[in-house]
Amino acid sequence: MGRLETLASEFLIFYRYLEERTKTTNKTLFVTKTGRPLLVRNIRTAIDRYYKRAGISGAKVNDLRHTWVAHHLSSGASLVLISKIAGHKRLSTTERYLSLIQPPKGEEKVKLEQL
């Protein structure tokens, strides 16, 4: 699937969300079933529920963030780019992940733009 088709598919999913989204006057994009803004605790609760359904124990929400950073660095993405996207104030924070990953091999690198 090409990049344009991927974007069109993702837009369609987002459009369906907007159509099915609880009707509310709240300007927040993501809302609960009752129409209130989706809070951090709502997200954490949902992710914990999915961990449980998947049989994953001992995992935390931030493990997803750590996995995302490590995956992209191991795929050869720019350290500076990942640092900015992750919201790290210091590049040294992102550099810590480098000790946890295998260096990319030859053509196996995947550019962030391709994901």
PDB file of N, CA and C in Angstrom:
ATOM      1  N   MET A   1       0.852  -1.167   0.000  1.00  0.00           N
ATOM      2  CA  MET A   1       0.000   0.000   0.000  1.00  0.00           C
ATOM      3  C   MET A   1       0.899   1.233   0.000  1.00  0.00           C
ATOM      4  N   GLY A   2       0.620   2.165  -0.893  1.00  0.00           N
ATOM      5  CA  GLY A   2       1.417   3.379  -1.003  1.00  0.00           C
ATOM      6  C   GLY A   2       1.091   4.364   0.103  1.00  0.00           C
ATOM      7  N   ARG A   3       1.909   5.379   0.198  1.00  0.00           N
ATOM      8  CA  ARG A   3       1.752   6.397   1.253  1.00  0.00           C
ATOM      9  C   ARG A   3       0.399   7.095   1.163  1.00  0.00           C
ATOM     10  N   LEU A   4      -0.042   7.411  -0.064  1.00  0.00           N
ATOM     11  CA  LEU A   4      -1.319   8.095  -0.239  1.00  0.00           C
ATOM     12  C   LEU A   4      -2.484   7.218   0.216  1.00  0.00           C
ATOM     13  N   GLU A   5      -2.427   5.935  -0.132  1.00  0.00           N
ATOM     14  CA  GLU A   5      -3.478   5.011   0.291  1.00  0.00           C
ATOM     15  C   GLU A   5      -3.495   4.854   1.807  1.00  0.00           C
ATOM     16  N   THR A   6      -2.295   4.824   2.412  1.00  0.00           N
ATOM     17  CA  THR A   6      -2.192   4.706   3.865  1.00  0.00           C
ATOM     18  C   THR A   6      -2.836   5.908   4.540  1.00  0.00           C
ATOM     19  N   LEU A   7      -2.516   7.107   4.037  1.00  0.00           N
ATOM     20  CA  LEU A   7      -3.104   8.320   4.608  1.00  0.00           C
ATOM     21  C   LEU A   7      -4.613   8.334   4.433  1.00  0.00           C
ATOM     22  N   ALA A   8      -5.085   7.909   3.270  1.00  0.00           N
ATOM     23  CA  ALA A   8      -6.529   7.872   3.018  1.00  0.00           C
ATOM     24  C   ALA A   8      -7.206   6.893   3.968  1.00  0.00           C
ATOM     25  N   SER A   9      -6.578   5.757   4.183  1.00  0.00           N
ATOM     26  CA  SER A   9      -7.132   4.751   5.095  1.00  0.00           C
ATOM     27  C   SER A   9      -7.179   5.278   6.524  1.00  0.00           C
ATOM     28  N   GLU A  10      -6.107   5.936   6.956  1.00  0.00           N
ATOM     29  CA  GLU A  10      -6.064   6.491   8.307  1.00  0.00           C
ATOM     30  C   GLU A  10      -7.077   7.617   8.479  1.00  0.00           C
ATOM     31  N   PHE A  11      -7.258   8.424   7.437  1.00  0.00           N
ATOM     32  CA  PHE A  11      -8.253   9.486   7.499  1.00  0.00           C
ATOM     33  C   PHE A  11      -9.651   8.896   7.626  1.00  0.00           C
ATOM     34  N   LEU A  12      -9.913   7.817   6.897  1.00  0.00           N
ATOM     35  CA  LEU A  12     -11.222   7.174   6.964  1.00  0.00           C
ATOM     36  C   LEU A  12     -11.505   6.658   8.376  1.00  0.00           C
ATOM     37  N   ILE A  13     -10.515   6.074   9.008  1.00  0.00           N
ATOM     38  CA  ILE A  13     -10.668   5.599  10.390  1.00  0.00           C
ATOM     39  C   ILE A  13     -10.983   6.777  11.311  1.00  0.00           C
ATOM     40  N   PHE A  14     -10.261   7.881  11.146  1.00  0.00           N
ATOM     41  CA  PHE A  14     -10.478   9.072  11.963  1.00  0.00           C
ATOM     42  C   PHE A  14     -11.870   9.650  11.706  1.00  0.00           C
ATOM     43  N   TYR A  15     -12.273   9.691  10.450  1.00  0.00           N
ATOM     44  CA  TYR A  15     -13.595  10.212  10.095  1.00  0.00           C
ATOM     45  C   TYR A  15     -14.697   9.359  10.737  1.00  0.00           C
ATOM     46  N   ARG A  16     -14.512   8.045  10.715  1.00  0.00           N
ATOM     47  CA  ARG A  16     -15.497   7.156  11.365  1.00  0.00           C
ATOM     48  C   ARG A  16     -15.575   7.439  12.861  1.00  0.00           C
ATOM     49  N   TYR A  17     -14.411   7.700  13.472  1.00  0.00           N
ATOM     50  CA  TYR A  17     -14.420   8.038  14.897  1.00  0.00           C
ATOM     51  C   TYR A  17     -15.265   9.287  15.131  1.00  0.00           C
ATOM     52  N   LEU A  18     -15.059  10.301  14.303  1.00  0.00           N
ATOM     53  CA  LEU A  18     -15.810  11.542  14.475  1.00  0.00           C
ATOM     54  C   LEU A  18     -17.312  11.320  14.290  1.00  0.00           C
ATOM     55  N   GLU A  19     -17.680  10.431  13.373  1.00  0.00           N
ATOM     56  CA  GLU A  19     -19.087  10.137  13.143  1.00  0.00           C
ATOM     57  C   GLU A  19     -19.710   9.386  14.327  1.00  0.00           C
ATOM     58  N   GLU A  20     -18.939   8.452  14.905  1.00  0.00           N
ATOM     59  CA  GLU A  20     -19.455   7.621  15.988  1.00  0.00           C
ATOM     60  C   GLU A  20     -19.236   8.239  17.363  1.00  0.00           C
ATOM     61  N   ARG A  21     -18.386   9.244  17.413  1.00  0.00           N
ATOM     62  CA  ARG A  21     -18.036   9.908  18.671  1.00  0.00           C
ATOM     63  C   ARG A  21     -19.292  10.404  19.380  1.00  0.00           C
ATOM     64  N   THR A  22     -19.284  10.304  20.676  1.00  0.00           N
ATOM     65  CA  THR A  22     -20.394  10.801  21.479  1.00  0.00           C
ATOM     66  C   THR A  22     -20.665  12.254  21.121  1.00  0.00           C
ATOM     67  N   LYS A  23     -21.914  12.571  20.868  1.00  0.00           N
ATOM     68  CA  LYS A  23     -22.258  13.950  20.524  1.00  0.00           C
ATOM     69  C   LYS A  23     -22.168  14.810  21.782  1.00  0.00           C
ATOM     70  N   THR A  24     -21.389  15.870  21.691  1.00  0.00           N
ATOM     71  CA  THR A  24     -21.170  16.749  22.825  1.00  0.00           C
ATOM     72  C   THR A  24     -20.815  18.138  22.328  1.00  0.00           C
ATOM     73  N   THR A  25     -21.038  19.115  23.149  1.00  0.00           N
ATOM     74  CA  THR A  25     -20.641  20.483  22.802  1.00  0.00           C
ATOM     75  C   THR A  25     -19.186  20.743  23.185  1.00  0.00           C
ATOM     76  N   ASN A  26     -18.573  19.783  23.865  1.00  0.00           N
ATOM     77  CA  ASN A  26     -17.183  19.908  24.287  1.00  0.00           C
ATOM     78  C   ASN A  26     -16.275  19.986  23.066  1.00  0.00           C
ATOM     79  N   LYS A  27     -15.336  20.907  23.063  1.00  0.00           N
ATOM     80  CA  LYS A  27     -14.434  21.115  21.927  1.00  0.00           C
ATOM     81  C   LYS A  27     -13.252  20.138  21.918  1.00  0.00           C
ATOM     82  N   THR A  28     -13.119  19.343  22.968  1.00  0.00           N
ATOM     83  CA  THR A  28     -12.037  18.370  23.046  1.00  0.00           C
ATOM     84  C   THR A  28     -12.229  17.301  21.975  1.00  0.00           C
ATOM     85  N   LEU A  29     -11.155  16.916  21.304  1.00  0.00           N
ATOM     86  CA  LEU A  29     -11.253  15.946  20.217  1.00  0.00           C
ATOM     87  C   LEU A  29     -11.651  14.561  20.719  1.00  0.00           C
ATOM     88  N   PHE A  30     -10.954  14.070  21.736  1.00  0.00           N
ATOM     89  CA  PHE A  30     -11.235  12.737  22.244  1.00  0.00           C
ATOM     90  C   PHE A  30     -12.027  12.847  23.540  1.00  0.00           C
ATOM     91  N   VAL A  31     -13.179  12.213  23.555  1.00  0.00           N
ATOM     92  CA  VAL A  31     -14.061  12.290  24.718  1.00  0.00           C
ATOM     93  C   VAL A  31     -14.454  10.889  25.171  1.00  0.00           C
ATOM     94  N   THR A  32     -14.927  10.815  26.409  1.00  0.00           N
ATOM     95  CA  THR A  32     -15.418   9.559  26.961  1.00  0.00           C
ATOM     96  C   THR A  32     -16.825   9.292  26.435  1.00  0.00           C
ATOM     97  N   LYS A  33     -17.384   8.164  26.813  1.00  0.00           N
ATOM     98  CA  LYS A  33     -18.747   7.814  26.398  1.00  0.00           C
ATOM     99  C   LYS A  33     -19.773   8.815  26.912  1.00  0.00           C
ATOM    100  N   THR A  34     -19.438   9.501  27.982  1.00  0.00           N
ATOM    101  CA  THR A  34     -20.357  10.488  28.554  1.00  0.00           C
ATOM    102  C   THR A  34     -20.145  11.886  27.976  1.00  0.00           C
ATOM    103  N   GLY A  35     -19.181  12.030  27.044  1.00  0.00           N
ATOM    104  CA  GLY A  35     -18.946  13.319  26.409  1.00  0.00           C
ATOM    105  C   GLY A  35     -17.963  14.217  27.124  1.00  0.00           C
ATOM    106  N   ARG A  36     -17.354  13.715  28.171  1.00  0.00           N
ATOM    107  CA  ARG A  36     -16.348  14.503  28.896  1.00  0.00           C
ATOM    108  C   ARG A  36     -14.971  14.300  28.264  1.00  0.00           C
ATOM    109  N   PRO A  37     -14.057  15.270  28.470  1.00  0.00           N
ATOM    110  CA  PRO A  37     -12.710  15.128  27.886  1.00  0.00           C
ATOM    111  C   PRO A  37     -12.021  13.852  28.370  1.00  0.00           C
ATOM    112  N   LEU A  38     -11.300  13.208  27.475  1.00  0.00           N
ATOM    113  CA  LEU A  38     -10.542  12.017  27.823  1.00  0.00           C
ATOM    114  C   LEU A  38      -9.327  12.459  28.633  1.00  0.00           C
ATOM    115  N   LEU A  39      -9.236  11.999  29.854  1.00  0.00           N
ATOM    116  CA  LEU A  39      -8.155  12.389  30.757  1.00  0.00           C
ATOM    117  C   LEU A  39      -7.050  11.337  30.749  1.00  0.00           C
ATOM    118  N   VAL A  40      -5.895  11.715  31.265  1.00  0.00           N
ATOM    119  CA  VAL A  40      -4.756  10.799  31.335  1.00  0.00           C
ATOM    120  C   VAL A  40      -5.153   9.515  32.060  1.00  0.00           C
ATOM    121  N   ARG A  41      -5.906   9.636  33.141  1.00  0.00           N
ATOM    122  CA  ARG A  41      -6.286   8.429  33.890  1.00  0.00           C
ATOM    123  C   ARG A  41      -7.184   7.517  33.052  1.00  0.00           C
ATOM    124  N   ASN A  42      -8.025   8.099  32.162  1.00  0.00           N
ATOM    125  CA  ASN A  42      -8.847   7.283  31.264  1.00  0.00           C
ATOM    126  C   ASN A  42      -7.966   6.482  30.313  1.00  0.00           C
ATOM    127  N   ILE A  43      -6.943   7.133  29.795  1.00  0.00           N
ATOM    128  CA  ILE A  43      -6.026   6.469  28.862  1.00  0.00           C
ATOM    129  C   ILE A  43      -5.259   5.362  29.575  1.00  0.00           C
ATOM    130  N   ARG A  44      -4.749   5.671  30.767  1.00  0.00           N
ATOM    131  CA  ARG A  44      -4.010   4.665  31.541  1.00  0.00           C
ATOM    132  C   ARG A  44      -4.890   3.465  31.874  1.00  0.00           C
ATOM    133  N   THR A  45      -6.130   3.725  32.248  1.00  0.00           N
ATOM    134  CA  THR A  45      -7.056   2.649  32.581  1.00  0.00           C
ATOM    135  C   THR A  45      -7.319   1.771  31.363  1.00  0.00           C
ATOM    136  N   ALA A  46      -7.538   2.398  30.211  1.00  0.00           N
ATOM    137  CA  ALA A  46      -7.792   1.638  28.990  1.00  0.00           C
ATOM    138  C   ALA A  46      -6.586   0.785  28.613  1.00  0.00           C
ATOM    139  N   ILE A  47      -5.395   1.366  28.659  1.00  0.00           N
ATOM    140  CA  ILE A  47      -4.192   0.613  28.306  1.00  0.00           C
ATOM    141  C   ILE A  47      -3.966  -0.531  29.279  1.00  0.00           C
ATOM    142  N   ASP A  48      -4.168  -0.296  30.576  1.00  0.00           N
ATOM    143  CA  ASP A  48      -4.030  -1.367  31.564  1.00  0.00           C
ATOM    144  C   ASP A  48      -5.019  -2.500  31.282  1.00  0.00           C
ATOM    145  N   ARG A  49      -6.229  -2.141  30.856  1.00  0.00           N
ATOM    146  CA  ARG A  49      -7.251  -3.140  30.529  1.00  0.00           C
ATOM    147  C   ARG A  49      -6.792  -3.991  29.331  1.00  0.00           C
ATOM    148  N   TYR A  50      -6.203  -3.333  28.323  1.00  0.00           N
ATOM    149  CA  TYR A  50      -5.726  -4.069  27.148  1.00  0.00           C
ATOM    150  C   TYR A  50      -4.520  -4.943  27.484  1.00  0.00           C
ATOM    151  N   TYR A  51      -3.652  -4.458  28.360  1.00  0.00           N
ATOM    152  CA  TYR A  51      -2.549  -5.307  28.832  1.00  0.00           C
ATOM    153  C   TYR A  51      -3.107  -6.576  29.467  1.00  0.00           C
ATOM    154  N   LYS A  52      -4.102  -6.408  30.318  1.00  0.00           N
ATOM    155  CA  LYS A  52      -4.690  -7.541  31.017  1.00  0.00           C
ATOM    156  C   LYS A  52      -5.316  -8.523  30.029  1.00  0.00           C
ATOM    157  N   ARG A  53      -6.050  -8.001  29.057  1.00  0.00           N
ATOM    158  CA  ARG A  53      -6.672  -8.857  28.038  1.00  0.00           C
ATOM    159  C   ARG A  53      -5.633  -9.636  27.247  1.00  0.00           C
ATOM    160  N   ALA A  54      -4.491  -9.016  27.013  1.00  0.00           N
ATOM    161  CA  ALA A  54      -3.420  -9.645  26.237  1.00  0.00           C
ATOM    162  C   ALA A  54      -2.569 -10.582  27.087  1.00  0.00           C
ATOM    163  N   GLY A  55      -2.848 -10.635  28.388  1.00  0.00           N
ATOM    164  CA  GLY A  55      -2.074 -11.501  29.272  1.00  0.00           C
ATOM    165  C   GLY A  55      -0.717 -10.937  29.626  1.00  0.00           C
ATOM    166  N   ILE A  56      -0.555  -9.640  29.522  1.00  0.00           N
ATOM    167  CA  ILE A  56       0.719  -8.976  29.833  1.00  0.00           C
ATOM    168  C   ILE A  56       0.636  -8.448  31.260  1.00  0.00           C
ATOM    169  N   SER A  57       1.547  -8.908  32.094  1.00  0.00           N
ATOM    170  CA  SER A  57       1.537  -8.440  33.478  1.00  0.00           C
ATOM    171  C   SER A  57       2.804  -7.648  33.773  1.00  0.00           C
ATOM    172  N   GLY A  58       2.681  -6.706  34.682  1.00  0.00           N
ATOM    173  CA  GLY A  58       3.830  -5.914  35.107  1.00  0.00           C
ATOM    174  C   GLY A  58       4.215  -4.799  34.152  1.00  0.00           C
ATOM    175  N   ALA A  59       3.452  -4.586  33.092  1.00  0.00           N
ATOM    176  CA  ALA A  59       3.779  -3.532  32.131  1.00  0.00           C
ATOM    177  C   ALA A  59       3.110  -2.228  32.545  1.00  0.00           C
ATOM    178  N   LYS A  60       3.731  -1.140  32.203  1.00  0.00           N
ATOM    179  CA  LYS A  60       3.208   0.190  32.506  1.00  0.00           C
ATOM    180  C   LYS A  60       2.981   0.947  31.199  1.00  0.00           C
ATOM    181  N   VAL A  61       2.211   2.016  31.273  1.00  0.00           N
ATOM    182  CA  VAL A  61       1.918   2.832  30.100  1.00  0.00           C
ATOM    183  C   VAL A  61       3.204   3.353  29.469  1.00  0.00           C
ATOM    184  N   ASN A  62       4.153   3.793  30.270  1.00  0.00           N
ATOM    185  CA  ASN A  62       5.397   4.348  29.723  1.00  0.00           C
ATOM    186  C   ASN A  62       6.235   3.304  28.996  1.00  0.00           C
ATOM    187  N   ASP A  63       5.969   2.021  29.230  1.00  0.00           N
ATOM    188  CA  ASP A  63       6.679   0.984  28.489  1.00  0.00           C
ATOM    189  C   ASP A  63       6.398   1.110  26.991  1.00  0.00           C
ATOM    190  N   LEU A  64       5.196   1.558  26.640  1.00  0.00           N
ATOM    191  CA  LEU A  64       4.861   1.772  25.227  1.00  0.00           C
ATOM    192  C   LEU A  64       5.713   2.895  24.641  1.00  0.00           C
ATOM    193  N   ARG A  65       5.886   3.934  25.416  1.00  0.00           N
ATOM    194  CA  ARG A  65       6.711   5.069  24.983  1.00  0.00           C
ATOM    195  C   ARG A  65       8.166   4.638  24.811  1.00  0.00           C
ATOM    196  N   HIS A  66       8.691   3.898  25.783  1.00  0.00           N
ATOM    197  CA  HIS A  66      10.072   3.426  25.706  1.00  0.00           C
ATOM    198  C   HIS A  66      10.254   2.517  24.495  1.00  0.00           C
ATOM    199  N   THR A  67       9.286   1.656  24.258  1.00  0.00           N
ATOM    200  CA  THR A  67       9.354   0.739  23.120  1.00  0.00           C
ATOM    201  C   THR A  67       9.361   1.518  21.809  1.00  0.00           C
ATOM    202  N   TRP A  68       8.526   2.543  21.728  1.00  0.00           N
ATOM    203  CA  TRP A  68       8.454   3.361  20.514  1.00  0.00           C
ATOM    204  C   TRP A  68       9.803   4.018  20.227  1.00  0.00           C
ATOM    205  N   VAL A  69      10.396   4.636  21.239  1.00  0.00           N
ATOM    206  CA  VAL A  69      11.687   5.310  21.058  1.00  0.00           C
ATOM    207  C   VAL A  69      12.758   4.298  20.645  1.00  0.00           C
ATOM    208  N   ALA A  70      12.851   3.199  21.366  1.00  0.00           N
ATOM    209  CA  ALA A  70      13.881   2.195  21.077  1.00  0.00           C
ATOM    210  C   ALA A  70      13.694   1.607  19.674  1.00  0.00           C
ATOM    211  N   HIS A  71      12.456   1.336  19.294  1.00  0.00           N
ATOM    212  CA  HIS A  71      12.179   0.762  17.969  1.00  0.00           C
ATOM    213  C   HIS A  71      12.665   1.688  16.854  1.00  0.00           C
ATOM    214  N   HIS A  72      12.338   2.965  16.954  1.00  0.00           N
ATOM    215  CA  HIS A  72      12.716   3.891  15.896  1.00  0.00           C
ATOM    216  C   HIS A  72      14.217   4.141  15.861  1.00  0.00           C
ATOM    217  N   LEU A  73      14.850   4.190  17.017  1.00  0.00           N
ATOM    218  CA  LEU A  73      16.306   4.349  17.027  1.00  0.00           C
ATOM    219  C   LEU A  73      16.989   3.122  16.431  1.00  0.00           C
ATOM    220  N   SER A  74      16.481   1.936  16.751  1.00  0.00           N
ATOM    221  CA  SER A  74      17.089   0.715  16.207  1.00  0.00           C
ATOM    222  C   SER A  74      16.829   0.586  14.711  1.00  0.00           C
ATOM    223  N   SER A  75      15.806   1.289  14.215  1.00  0.00           N
ATOM    224  CA  SER A  75      15.508   1.269  12.780  1.00  0.00           C
ATOM    225  C   SER A  75      16.312   2.322  12.019  1.00  0.00           C
ATOM    226  N   GLY A  76      17.131   3.066  12.740  1.00  0.00           N
ATOM    227  CA  GLY A  76      18.002   4.031  12.094  1.00  0.00           C
ATOM    228  C   GLY A  76      17.464   5.444  12.024  1.00  0.00           C
ATOM    229  N   ALA A  77      16.376   5.736  12.738  1.00  0.00           N
ATOM    230  CA  ALA A  77      15.828   7.096  12.736  1.00  0.00           C
ATOM    231  C   ALA A  77      16.807   8.046  13.429  1.00  0.00           C
ATOM    232  N   SER A  78      16.752   9.282  13.049  1.00  0.00           N
ATOM    233  CA  SER A  78      17.637  10.312  13.598  1.00  0.00           C
ATOM    234  C   SER A  78      17.412  10.484  15.097  1.00  0.00           C
ATOM    235  N   LEU A  79      18.493  10.505  15.839  1.00  0.00           N
ATOM    236  CA  LEU A  79      18.435  10.707  17.282  1.00  0.00           C
ATOM    237  C   LEU A  79      17.784  12.046  17.612  1.00  0.00           C
ATOM    238  N   VAL A  80      18.143  13.079  16.874  1.00  0.00           N
ATOM    239  CA  VAL A  80      17.589  14.416  17.113  1.00  0.00           C
ATOM    240  C   VAL A  80      16.088  14.431  16.826  1.00  0.00           C
ATOM    241  N   LEU A  81      15.676  13.812  15.714  1.00  0.00           N
ATOM    242  CA  LEU A  81      14.260  13.764  15.352  1.00  0.00           C
ATOM    243  C   LEU A  81      13.441  13.034  16.414  1.00  0.00           C
ATOM    244  N   ILE A  82      13.905  11.874  16.823  1.00  0.00           N
ATOM    245  CA  ILE A  82      13.179  11.093  17.836  1.00  0.00           C
ATOM    246  C   ILE A  82      13.129  11.853  19.150  1.00  0.00           C
ATOM    247  N   SER A  83      14.212  12.520  19.508  1.00  0.00           N
ATOM    248  CA  SER A  83      14.246  13.311  20.737  1.00  0.00           C
ATOM    249  C   SER A  83      13.176  14.393  20.711  1.00  0.00           C
ATOM    250  N   LYS A  84      13.043  15.062  19.569  1.00  0.00           N
ATOM    251  CA  LYS A  84      12.047  16.128  19.439  1.00  0.00           C
ATOM    252  C   LYS A  84      10.628  15.572  19.491  1.00  0.00           C
ATOM    253  N   ILE A  85      10.374  14.492  18.751  1.00  0.00           N
ATOM    254  CA  ILE A  85       9.030  13.913  18.726  1.00  0.00           C
ATOM    255  C   ILE A  85       8.642  13.391  20.107  1.00  0.00           C
ATOM    256  N   ALA A  86       9.602  12.798  20.808  1.00  0.00           N
ATOM    257  CA  ALA A  86       9.330  12.251  22.143  1.00  0.00           C
ATOM    258  C   ALA A  86       9.182  13.348  23.196  1.00  0.00           C
ATOM    259  N   GLY A  87       9.599  14.565  22.843  1.00  0.00           N
ATOM    260  CA  GLY A  87       9.461  15.674  23.772  1.00  0.00           C
ATOM    261  C   GLY A  87      10.548  15.735  24.823  1.00  0.00           C
ATOM    262  N   HIS A  88      11.676  15.100  24.533  1.00  0.00           N
ATOM    263  CA  HIS A  88      12.788  15.152  25.481  1.00  0.00           C
ATOM    264  C   HIS A  88      13.427  16.534  25.448  1.00  0.00           C
ATOM    265  N   LYS A  89      13.644  17.116  26.600  1.00  0.00           N
ATOM    266  CA  LYS A  89      14.259  18.443  26.681  1.00  0.00           C
ATOM    267  C   LYS A  89      15.746  18.387  26.363  1.00  0.00           C
ATOM    268  N   ARG A  90      16.358  17.259  26.691  1.00  0.00           N
ATOM    269  CA  ARG A  90      17.795  17.093  26.459  1.00  0.00           C
ATOM    270  C   ARG A  90      18.038  15.896  25.557  1.00  0.00           C
ATOM    271  N   LEU A  91      18.953  16.041  24.643  1.00  0.00           N
ATOM    272  CA  LEU A  91      19.322  14.954  23.749  1.00  0.00           C
ATOM    273  C   LEU A  91      19.878  13.770  24.537  1.00  0.00           C
ATOM    274  N   SER A  92      20.510  14.048  25.662  1.00  0.00           N
ATOM    275  CA  SER A  92      21.092  12.979  26.483  1.00  0.00           C
ATOM    276  C   SER A  92      20.024  12.006  26.987  1.00  0.00           C
ATOM    277  N   THR A  93      18.791  12.486  27.145  1.00  0.00           N
ATOM    278  CA  THR A  93      17.706  11.599  27.571  1.00  0.00           C
ATOM    279  C   THR A  93      17.459  10.542  26.505  1.00  0.00           C
ATOM    280  N   THR A  94      17.434  10.963  25.252  1.00  0.00           N
ATOM    281  CA  THR A  94      17.208  10.027  24.153  1.00  0.00           C
ATOM    282  C   THR A  94      18.429   9.128  23.957  1.00  0.00           C
ATOM    283  N   GLU A  95      19.615   9.662  24.169  1.00  0.00           N
ATOM    284  CA  GLU A  95      20.841   8.891  23.993  1.00  0.00           C
ATOM    285  C   GLU A  95      20.901   7.674  24.914  1.00  0.00           C
ATOM    286  N   ARG A  96      20.229   7.736  26.048  1.00  0.00           N
ATOM    287  CA  ARG A  96      20.223   6.593  26.983  1.00  0.00           C
ATOM    288  C   ARG A  96      19.689   5.325  26.331  1.00  0.00           C
ATOM    289  N   TYR A  97      18.787   5.491  25.373  1.00  0.00           N
ATOM    290  CA  TYR A  97      18.194   4.331  24.701  1.00  0.00           C
ATOM    291  C   TYR A  97      19.195   3.600  23.817  1.00  0.00           C
ATOM    292  N   LEU A  98      20.228   4.299  23.382  1.00  0.00           N
ATOM    293  CA  LEU A  98      21.189   3.693  22.464  1.00  0.00           C
ATOM    294  C   LEU A  98      21.879   2.480  23.066  1.00  0.00           C
ATOM    295  N   SER A  99      22.049   2.452  24.365  1.00  0.00           N
ATOM    296  CA  SER A  99      22.704   1.302  24.998  1.00  0.00           C
ATOM    297  C   SER A  99      21.774   0.079  25.047  1.00  0.00           C
ATOM    298  N   LEU A 100      20.493   0.284  24.785  1.00  0.00           N
ATOM    299  CA  LEU A 100      19.518  -0.804  24.867  1.00  0.00           C
ATOM    300  C   LEU A 100      19.201  -1.448  23.524  1.00  0.00           C
ATOM    301  N   ILE A 101      19.686  -0.865  22.444  1.00  0.00           N
ATOM    302  CA  ILE A 101      19.291  -1.347  21.121  1.00  0.00           C
ATOM    303  C   ILE A 101      20.457  -1.929  20.349  1.00  0.00           C
ATOM    304  N   GLN A 102      20.111  -2.734  19.352  1.00  0.00           N
ATOM    305  CA  GLN A 102      21.097  -3.270  18.423  1.00  0.00           C
ATOM    306  C   GLN A 102      21.266  -2.250  17.302  1.00  0.00           C
ATOM    307  N   PRO A 103      22.481  -1.989  16.866  1.00  0.00           N
ATOM    308  CA  PRO A 103      22.656  -1.054  15.746  1.00  0.00           C
ATOM    309  C   PRO A 103      21.998  -1.608  14.485  1.00  0.00           C
ATOM    310  N   PRO A 104      21.440  -0.725  13.655  1.00  0.00           N
ATOM    311  CA  PRO A 104      20.787  -1.188  12.421  1.00  0.00           C
ATOM    312  C   PRO A 104      21.792  -1.838  11.481  1.00  0.00           C
ATOM    313  N   LYS A 105      21.323  -2.851  10.748  1.00  0.00           N
ATOM    314  CA  LYS A 105      22.181  -3.578   9.814  1.00  0.00           C
ATOM    315  C   LYS A 105      21.824  -3.189   8.388  1.00  0.00           C
ATOM    316  N   GLY A 106      22.771  -2.685   7.664  1.00  0.00           N
ATOM    317  CA  GLY A 106      22.630  -2.405   6.237  1.00  0.00           C
ATOM    318  C   GLY A 106      21.305  -1.824   5.808  1.00  0.00           C
ATOM    319  N   GLU A 107      20.638  -2.515   4.919  1.00  0.00           N
ATOM    320  CA  GLU A 107      19.405  -2.024   4.316  1.00  0.00           C
ATOM    321  C   GLU A 107      18.180  -2.293   5.180  1.00  0.00           C
ATOM    322  N   GLU A 108      18.330  -2.872   6.349  1.00  0.00           N
ATOM    323  CA  GLU A 108      17.187  -3.170   7.195  1.00  0.00           C
ATOM    324  C   GLU A 108      16.618  -1.928   7.865  1.00  0.00           C
ATOM    325  N   LYS A 109      17.300  -0.799   7.692  1.00  0.00           N
ATOM    326  CA  LYS A 109      16.825   0.435   8.307  1.00  0.00           C
ATOM    327  C   LYS A 109      15.475   0.826   7.705  1.00  0.00           C
ATOM    328  N   VAL A 110      14.593   1.328   8.556  1.00  0.00           N
ATOM    329  CA  VAL A 110      13.297   1.817   8.112  1.00  0.00           C
ATOM    330  C   VAL A 110      13.229   3.276   8.504  1.00  0.00           C
ATOM    331  N   LYS A 111      12.924   4.114   7.570  1.00  0.00           N
ATOM    332  CA  LYS A 111      12.814   5.530   7.851  1.00  0.00           C
ATOM    333  C   LYS A 111      11.490   5.811   8.554  1.00  0.00           C
ATOM    334  N   LEU A 112      11.476   6.746   9.495  1.00  0.00           N
ATOM    335  CA  LEU A 112      10.280   7.108  10.221  1.00  0.00           C
ATOM    336  C   LEU A 112       9.161   7.511   9.273  1.00  0.00           C
ATOM    337  N   GLU A 113       9.519   8.181   8.192  1.00  0.00           N
ATOM    338  CA  GLU A 113       8.519   8.642   7.233  1.00  0.00           C
ATOM    339  C   GLU A 113       7.796   7.476   6.562  1.00  0.00           C
ATOM    340  N   GLN A 114       8.422   6.303   6.503  1.00  0.00           N
ATOM    341  CA  GLN A 114       7.830   5.141   5.834  1.00  0.00           C
ATOM    342  C   GLN A 114       6.863   4.401   6.738  1.00  0.00           C
ATOM    343  N   LEU A 115       6.874   4.698   8.040  1.00  0.00           N
ATOM    344  CA  LEU A 115       6.032   3.954   8.967  1.00  0.00           C
ATOM    345  C   LEU A 115       4.629   4.455   9.010  1.00  0.00           C
TER     346      LEU A 115
END
